Amino acid sequence: MDDAMEEGRFEGLKEVFADQLAACLEESRRGRRGLFSDVGEGSEPGWPEAARLRELAFRLEAILAQAGEPSALIDEFLELCTINAESSAGESRLARSFLERIERGEVGQPREQAPPW
């Protein structure tokens, strides 16, 4: 019983993150900028939900790593955040590609082809 509780203690946090990520990815796919990085000056105003999601991802990554329970979804999201998504392949295209990988269950698996960014 204790082992089952130990294994599932972070599942709720991971689920909340995944749900919020999916909502933000959908908005980004439709053209909203600022999910993977803060929008630069002279652009539309910042996206507070995206900033909170990135902060949550950084905190969860640290907590999960300390507990020995890494999350491929969080790791891949943070990887995308570090590559300056807005100037590489376009943020909406990057969001669409990431959503497709999530839907196909490919997050955490090696990529067969070069990433679109």
Protein backbone atom coordinates (compact mmCIF):
# COMPACT_ATOMS: atom_id res chain seq x y z
CA MET A 1 0.00 0.00 0.00
CA ASP A 2 2.78 2.43 0.91
CA ASP A 3 4.59 1.70 -2.37
CA ALA A 4 1.43 2.50 -4.36
CA MET A 5 0.94 5.75 -2.46
CA GLU A 6 4.61 6.64 -2.91
CA GLU A 7 4.44 6.04 -6.67
CA GLY A 8 1.29 8.11 -7.12
CA ARG A 9 2.07 11.04 -4.87
CA PHE A 10 3.04 13.32 -7.77
CA GLU A 11 0.48 12.09 -10.29
CA GLY A 12 -2.00 14.85 -9.41
CA LEU A 13 0.65 17.54 -9.94
CA LYS A 14 1.70 15.99 -13.23
CA GLU A 15 -1.92 15.82 -14.35
CA VAL A 16 -2.57 19.48 -13.49
CA PHE A 17 0.57 20.46 -15.40
CA ALA A 18 -0.40 18.33 -18.42
CA ASP A 19 -3.91 19.83 -18.53
CA GLN A 20 -2.61 23.41 -18.32
CA LEU A 21 0.09 22.67 -20.90
CA ALA A 22 -2.49 21.28 -23.33
CA ALA A 23 -4.65 24.39 -22.96
CA CYS A 24 -1.69 26.71 -23.51
CA LEU A 25 -0.38 24.67 -26.45
CA GLU A 26 -3.79 24.92 -28.10
CA GLU A 27 -3.79 28.71 -27.70
CA SER A 28 -0.23 28.91 -29.01
CA ARG A 29 -1.12 26.68 -31.97
CA ARG A 30 -3.81 29.22 -32.87
CA GLY A 31 -1.24 32.01 -32.90
CA ARG A 32 -0.87 33.36 -29.37
CA ARG A 33 2.78 34.14 -28.66
CA GLY A 34 4.74 33.77 -25.45
CA LEU A 35 4.29 30.15 -24.38
CA PHE A 36 7.88 29.04 -24.76
CA SER A 37 9.49 32.36 -23.83
CA ASP A 38 8.52 35.86 -22.81
CA VAL A 39 7.39 38.00 -25.71
CA GLY A 40 9.94 40.67 -26.58
CA GLU A 41 9.40 44.40 -26.37
CA GLY A 42 7.20 45.97 -29.00
CA SER A 43 5.05 42.85 -29.24
CA GLU A 44 1.73 41.97 -27.72
CA PRO A 45 1.56 42.00 -23.91
CA GLY A 46 2.92 39.07 -21.97
CA TRP A 47 0.97 35.88 -21.33
CA PRO A 48 0.65 35.40 -17.54
CA GLU A 49 -0.69 31.82 -17.77
CA ALA A 50 2.29 30.79 -19.88
CA ALA A 51 4.73 32.43 -17.47
CA ARG A 52 3.08 30.57 -14.56
CA LEU A 53 3.23 27.32 -16.54
CA ARG A 54 6.96 27.74 -17.17
CA GLU A 55 7.53 28.50 -13.48
CA LEU A 56 5.47 25.45 -12.49
CA ALA A 57 7.50 23.31 -14.89
CA PHE A 58 10.80 24.48 -13.38
CA ARG A 59 9.56 23.80 -9.84
CA LEU A 60 8.06 20.42 -10.69
CA GLU A 61 11.19 19.37 -12.52
CA ALA A 62 13.26 20.05 -9.41
CA ILE A 63 10.81 18.30 -7.07
CA LEU A 64 10.45 15.27 -9.32
CA ALA A 65 14.19 14.97 -9.89
CA GLN A 66 14.79 15.03 -6.15
CA ALA A 67 12.17 12.29 -5.71
CA GLY A 68 13.65 10.26 -8.58
CA GLU A 69 10.46 10.60 -10.67
CA PRO A 70 11.36 12.61 -13.79
CA SER A 71 8.64 13.64 -16.22
CA ALA A 72 9.36 13.40 -19.93
CA LEU A 73 6.55 15.87 -20.66
CA ILE A 74 7.99 18.52 -18.35
CA ASP A 75 11.53 17.88 -19.57
CA GLU A 76 10.56 18.23 -23.22
CA PHE A 77 8.52 21.39 -22.54
CA LEU A 78 11.46 22.99 -20.74
CA GLU A 79 13.78 21.96 -23.58
CA LEU A 80 11.50 23.79 -26.01
CA CYS A 81 11.53 26.82 -23.73
CA THR A 82 15.32 27.02 -23.88
CA ILE A 83 15.67 27.14 -27.66
CA ASN A 84 14.07 30.55 -28.16
CA ALA A 85 11.07 29.09 -29.92
CA GLU A 86 9.75 32.37 -31.28
CA SER A 87 12.62 32.90 -33.65
CA SER A 88 13.29 29.31 -34.68
CA ALA A 89 10.40 27.48 -36.35
CA GLY A 90 7.66 29.80 -35.24
CA GLU A 91 5.92 29.32 -31.98
CA SER A 92 2.57 28.17 -33.39
CA ARG A 93 4.27 25.52 -35.52
CA LEU A 94 6.32 24.39 -32.53
CA ALA A 95 3.17 24.16 -30.38
CA ARG A 96 1.37 22.17 -33.08
CA SER A 97 4.29 19.76 -33.42
CA PHE A 98 4.53 19.28 -29.65
CA LEU A 99 0.76 18.70 -29.37
CA GLU A 100 0.97 16.06 -32.10
CA ARG A 101 3.84 14.29 -30.29
CA ILE A 102 1.81 14.29 -27.08
CA GLU A 103 -1.29 12.92 -28.84
CA ARG A 104 0.74 10.15 -30.49
CA GLY A 105 2.35 9.25 -27.15
CA GLU A 106 5.84 10.07 -28.44
CA VAL A 107 6.96 12.38 -25.63
CA GLY A 108 9.90 10.80 -23.84
CA GLN A 109 10.78 8.60 -26.81
CA PRO A 110 13.69 9.25 -29.14
CA ARG A 111 12.74 11.31 -32.18
CA GLU A 112 13.00 9.50 -35.50
CA GLN A 113 13.62 12.68 -37.42
CA ALA A 114 15.11 16.05 -36.63
CA PRO A 115 12.83 18.26 -34.54
CA PRO A 116 11.06 21.04 -36.47
CA TRP A 117 12.91 23.74 -34.60
